[in-house]
Amino acid sequence: MEDLTLRGKTISYFENINLAQVKSVIRAIAHMHKNVLTADPSLWRGKFLKNQTVLADVSNVLHSMIEPLIKKSKREGKN
């Protein structure tokens, strides 16, 4: 991904965004999706295997915490 620190802009909650800006953002996102979906698999396949099981490992850890959390919250047996 490209670093947009120097080119990006943040807007406050109360600033408005106009239709041209919305269209520009949508166009950029569509272009990014097109590039990802049409990328040659030989460029990326097999390169990101190191952390592919992180989410599964985290879910196993979280699953082991559910029962103690329910007991501590005094909601055991309640729906």
N, C-alpha and C. Protein backbone atom coordinates (compact mmCIF):
# COMPACT_ATOMS: atom_id res chain seq x y z
N MET A 1 0.84 -1.17 0.00
CA MET A 1 0.00 0.00 0.00
C MET A 1 0.88 1.24 0.00
N GLU A 2 0.36 2.27 -0.56
CA GLU A 2 1.10 3.52 -0.68
C GLU A 2 0.86 4.39 0.55
N ASP A 3 1.92 5.05 1.03
CA ASP A 3 1.82 5.96 2.16
C ASP A 3 1.24 7.28 1.67
N LEU A 4 0.09 7.65 2.20
CA LEU A 4 -0.59 8.88 1.77
C LEU A 4 -0.42 10.01 2.77
N THR A 5 0.58 9.92 3.63
CA THR A 5 0.77 10.93 4.67
C THR A 5 0.87 12.33 4.10
N LEU A 6 1.64 12.49 3.08
CA LEU A 6 1.84 13.84 2.52
C LEU A 6 0.72 14.27 1.58
N ARG A 7 0.02 13.33 0.99
CA ARG A 7 -1.02 13.67 0.02
C ARG A 7 -2.42 13.61 0.62
N GLY A 8 -2.56 12.96 1.76
CA GLY A 8 -3.88 12.78 2.37
C GLY A 8 -4.36 14.02 3.09
N LYS A 9 -5.63 14.03 3.40
CA LYS A 9 -6.24 15.15 4.13
C LYS A 9 -7.28 14.58 5.06
N THR A 10 -7.31 15.07 6.26
CA THR A 10 -8.37 14.66 7.17
C THR A 10 -9.39 15.79 7.23
N ILE A 11 -10.65 15.41 7.35
CA ILE A 11 -11.69 16.42 7.47
C ILE A 11 -12.39 16.21 8.80
N SER A 12 -12.80 17.30 9.38
CA SER A 12 -13.48 17.18 10.66
C SER A 12 -14.90 16.68 10.44
N TYR A 13 -15.54 16.34 11.52
CA TYR A 13 -16.90 15.80 11.47
C TYR A 13 -17.86 16.79 10.84
N PHE A 14 -17.60 18.08 11.01
CA PHE A 14 -18.55 19.09 10.56
C PHE A 14 -18.27 19.62 9.16
N GLU A 15 -17.17 19.20 8.55
CA GLU A 15 -16.90 19.61 7.17
C GLU A 15 -17.72 18.76 6.21
N ASN A 16 -18.12 19.35 5.13
CA ASN A 16 -18.88 18.61 4.12
C ASN A 16 -17.95 18.06 3.06
N ILE A 17 -18.37 17.00 2.45
CA ILE A 17 -17.65 16.43 1.32
C ILE A 17 -18.58 16.51 0.12
N ASN A 18 -18.05 16.98 -1.00
CA ASN A 18 -18.93 17.18 -2.15
C ASN A 18 -18.99 15.93 -3.03
N LEU A 19 -19.89 15.94 -3.98
CA LEU A 19 -20.13 14.77 -4.83
C LEU A 19 -18.89 14.41 -5.65
N ALA A 20 -18.14 15.40 -6.13
CA ALA A 20 -16.93 15.12 -6.91
C ALA A 20 -15.90 14.37 -6.06
N GLN A 21 -15.79 14.72 -4.77
CA GLN A 21 -14.86 14.04 -3.90
C GLN A 21 -15.30 12.60 -3.63
N VAL A 22 -16.60 12.40 -3.46
CA VAL A 22 -17.13 11.04 -3.26
C VAL A 22 -16.84 10.19 -4.48
N LYS A 23 -17.10 10.73 -5.67
CA LYS A 23 -16.85 9.99 -6.90
C LYS A 23 -15.36 9.66 -7.05
N SER A 24 -14.50 10.58 -6.67
CA SER A 24 -13.06 10.35 -6.76
C SER A 24 -12.62 9.22 -5.84
N VAL A 25 -13.15 9.19 -4.63
CA VAL A 25 -12.81 8.12 -3.69
C VAL A 25 -13.31 6.78 -4.21
N ILE A 26 -14.54 6.75 -4.71
CA ILE A 26 -15.11 5.50 -5.23
C ILE A 26 -14.29 5.01 -6.43
N ARG A 27 -13.88 5.93 -7.30
CA ARG A 27 -13.08 5.56 -8.45
C ARG A 27 -11.74 4.96 -8.01
N ALA A 28 -11.11 5.56 -6.99
CA ALA A 28 -9.82 5.07 -6.50
C ALA A 28 -9.97 3.68 -5.87
N ILE A 29 -11.04 3.47 -5.12
CA ILE A 29 -11.27 2.16 -4.50
C ILE A 29 -11.55 1.11 -5.57
N ALA A 30 -12.34 1.46 -6.57
CA ALA A 30 -12.63 0.52 -7.65
C ALA A 30 -11.35 0.16 -8.40
N HIS A 31 -10.49 1.13 -8.62
CA HIS A 31 -9.22 0.88 -9.31
C HIS A 31 -8.35 -0.07 -8.49
N MET A 32 -8.29 0.15 -7.17
CA MET A 32 -7.52 -0.71 -6.29
C MET A 32 -8.06 -2.14 -6.33
N HIS A 33 -9.39 -2.28 -6.26
CA HIS A 33 -10.00 -3.62 -6.31
C HIS A 33 -9.70 -4.30 -7.64
N LYS A 34 -9.76 -3.56 -8.72
CA LYS A 34 -9.45 -4.13 -10.04
C LYS A 34 -8.02 -4.65 -10.07
N ASN A 35 -7.10 -3.88 -9.51
CA ASN A 35 -5.69 -4.31 -9.49
C ASN A 35 -5.49 -5.55 -8.64
N VAL A 36 -6.18 -5.63 -7.53
CA VAL A 36 -6.04 -6.79 -6.66
C VAL A 36 -6.64 -8.03 -7.32
N LEU A 37 -7.81 -7.88 -7.93
CA LEU A 37 -8.50 -9.02 -8.51
C LEU A 37 -7.85 -9.53 -9.80
N THR A 38 -7.12 -8.68 -10.49
CA THR A 38 -6.50 -9.09 -11.75
C THR A 38 -5.00 -9.33 -11.61
N ALA A 39 -4.48 -9.29 -10.39
CA ALA A 39 -3.04 -9.50 -10.18
C ALA A 39 -2.66 -10.92 -10.53
N ASP A 40 -1.47 -11.07 -11.05
CA ASP A 40 -0.95 -12.38 -11.40
C ASP A 40 -0.68 -13.17 -10.11
N PRO A 41 -1.35 -14.31 -9.93
CA PRO A 41 -1.16 -15.08 -8.69
C PRO A 41 0.28 -15.50 -8.43
N SER A 42 1.08 -15.62 -9.47
CA SER A 42 2.48 -16.03 -9.26
C SER A 42 3.28 -14.96 -8.54
N LEU A 43 2.80 -13.72 -8.54
CA LEU A 43 3.49 -12.64 -7.85
C LEU A 43 3.31 -12.69 -6.34
N TRP A 44 2.18 -13.25 -5.88
CA TRP A 44 1.88 -13.21 -4.45
C TRP A 44 1.62 -14.57 -3.81
N ARG A 45 1.22 -15.58 -4.58
CA ARG A 45 0.84 -16.86 -4.01
C ARG A 45 2.03 -17.50 -3.27
N GLY A 46 1.79 -17.91 -2.04
CA GLY A 46 2.80 -18.56 -1.23
C GLY A 46 3.69 -17.63 -0.44
N LYS A 47 3.55 -16.32 -0.60
CA LYS A 47 4.43 -15.37 0.08
C LYS A 47 3.88 -14.91 1.43
N PHE A 48 2.62 -15.13 1.71
CA PHE A 48 2.01 -14.62 2.92
C PHE A 48 1.51 -15.76 3.81
N LEU A 49 2.27 -16.84 3.88
CA LEU A 49 1.84 -18.01 4.64
C LEU A 49 2.24 -17.95 6.11
N LYS A 50 3.18 -17.08 6.45
CA LYS A 50 3.73 -17.06 7.80
C LYS A 50 2.66 -16.84 8.86
N ASN A 51 1.77 -15.90 8.66
CA ASN A 51 0.78 -15.56 9.68
C ASN A 51 -0.64 -15.96 9.29
N GLN A 52 -0.79 -16.92 8.42
CA GLN A 52 -2.12 -17.25 7.94
C GLN A 52 -3.01 -17.90 9.00
N THR A 53 -2.42 -18.42 10.06
CA THR A 53 -3.21 -19.08 11.09
C THR A 53 -3.41 -18.20 12.33
N VAL A 54 -3.02 -16.94 12.26
CA VAL A 54 -3.11 -16.06 13.43
C VAL A 54 -4.54 -15.93 13.91
N LEU A 55 -5.48 -15.70 13.01
CA LEU A 55 -6.88 -15.53 13.42
C LEU A 55 -7.42 -16.80 14.08
N ALA A 56 -7.09 -17.94 13.54
CA ALA A 56 -7.53 -19.20 14.15
C ALA A 56 -6.92 -19.38 15.53
N ASP A 57 -5.66 -19.02 15.69
CA ASP A 57 -5.01 -19.14 17.01
C ASP A 57 -5.64 -18.19 18.01
N VAL A 58 -5.93 -16.97 17.59
CA VAL A 58 -6.56 -16.00 18.48
C VAL A 58 -7.96 -16.48 18.87
N SER A 59 -8.71 -17.04 17.94
CA SER A 59 -10.05 -17.50 18.26
C SER A 59 -10.01 -18.65 19.27
N ASN A 60 -8.99 -19.51 19.19
CA ASN A 60 -8.83 -20.58 20.18
C ASN A 60 -8.56 -20.01 21.57
N VAL A 61 -7.73 -18.99 21.64
CA VAL A 61 -7.44 -18.36 22.92
C VAL A 61 -8.69 -17.70 23.48
N LEU A 62 -9.41 -16.98 22.64
CA LEU A 62 -10.62 -16.30 23.09
C LEU A 62 -11.68 -17.32 23.53
N HIS A 63 -11.78 -18.42 22.81
CA HIS A 63 -12.76 -19.45 23.16
C HIS A 63 -12.51 -20.01 24.55
N SER A 64 -11.24 -20.14 24.92
CA SER A 64 -10.92 -20.66 26.25
C SER A 64 -11.23 -19.65 27.35
N MET A 65 -11.44 -18.39 27.01
CA MET A 65 -11.75 -17.35 27.99
C MET A 65 -13.25 -17.15 28.20
N ILE A 66 -14.07 -17.69 27.34
CA ILE A 66 -15.50 -17.43 27.39
C ILE A 66 -16.13 -17.97 28.67
N GLU A 67 -15.86 -19.24 28.99
CA GLU A 67 -16.49 -19.84 30.17
C GLU A 67 -16.10 -19.12 31.47
N PRO A 68 -14.82 -18.84 31.72
CA PRO A 68 -14.48 -18.08 32.93
C PRO A 68 -15.13 -16.69 32.97
N LEU A 69 -15.25 -16.06 31.80
CA LEU A 69 -15.88 -14.74 31.75
C LEU A 69 -17.35 -14.82 32.13
N ILE A 70 -18.03 -15.83 31.66
CA ILE A 70 -19.45 -16.00 31.99
C ILE A 70 -19.61 -16.25 33.49
N LYS A 71 -18.74 -17.06 34.08
CA LYS A 71 -18.82 -17.33 35.52
C LYS A 71 -18.57 -16.06 36.33
N LYS A 72 -17.61 -15.25 35.91
CA LYS A 72 -17.30 -14.02 36.63
C LYS A 72 -18.41 -12.99 36.50
N SER A 73 -19.12 -13.03 35.39
CA SER A 73 -20.18 -12.04 35.18
C SER A 73 -21.50 -12.44 35.86
N LYS A 74 -21.52 -13.60 36.48
CA LYS A 74 -22.70 -14.11 37.19
C LYS A 74 -23.91 -14.27 36.27
N ARG A 75 -23.66 -14.57 35.02
CA ARG A 75 -24.75 -14.79 34.05
C ARG A 75 -24.82 -16.25 33.64
N GLU A 76 -24.12 -17.13 34.33
CA GLU A 76 -24.13 -18.54 33.99
C GLU A 76 -25.54 -19.10 34.12
N GLY A 77 -26.00 -19.76 33.09
CA GLY A 77 -27.34 -20.37 33.11
C GLY A 77 -28.44 -19.41 32.70
N LYS A 78 -28.12 -18.14 32.43
CA LYS A 78 -29.14 -17.19 32.00
C LYS A 78 -29.09 -17.04 30.50
N ASN A 79 -30.25 -16.77 29.90
CA ASN A 79 -30.29 -16.58 28.44
C ASN A 79 -30.19 -15.15 28.08
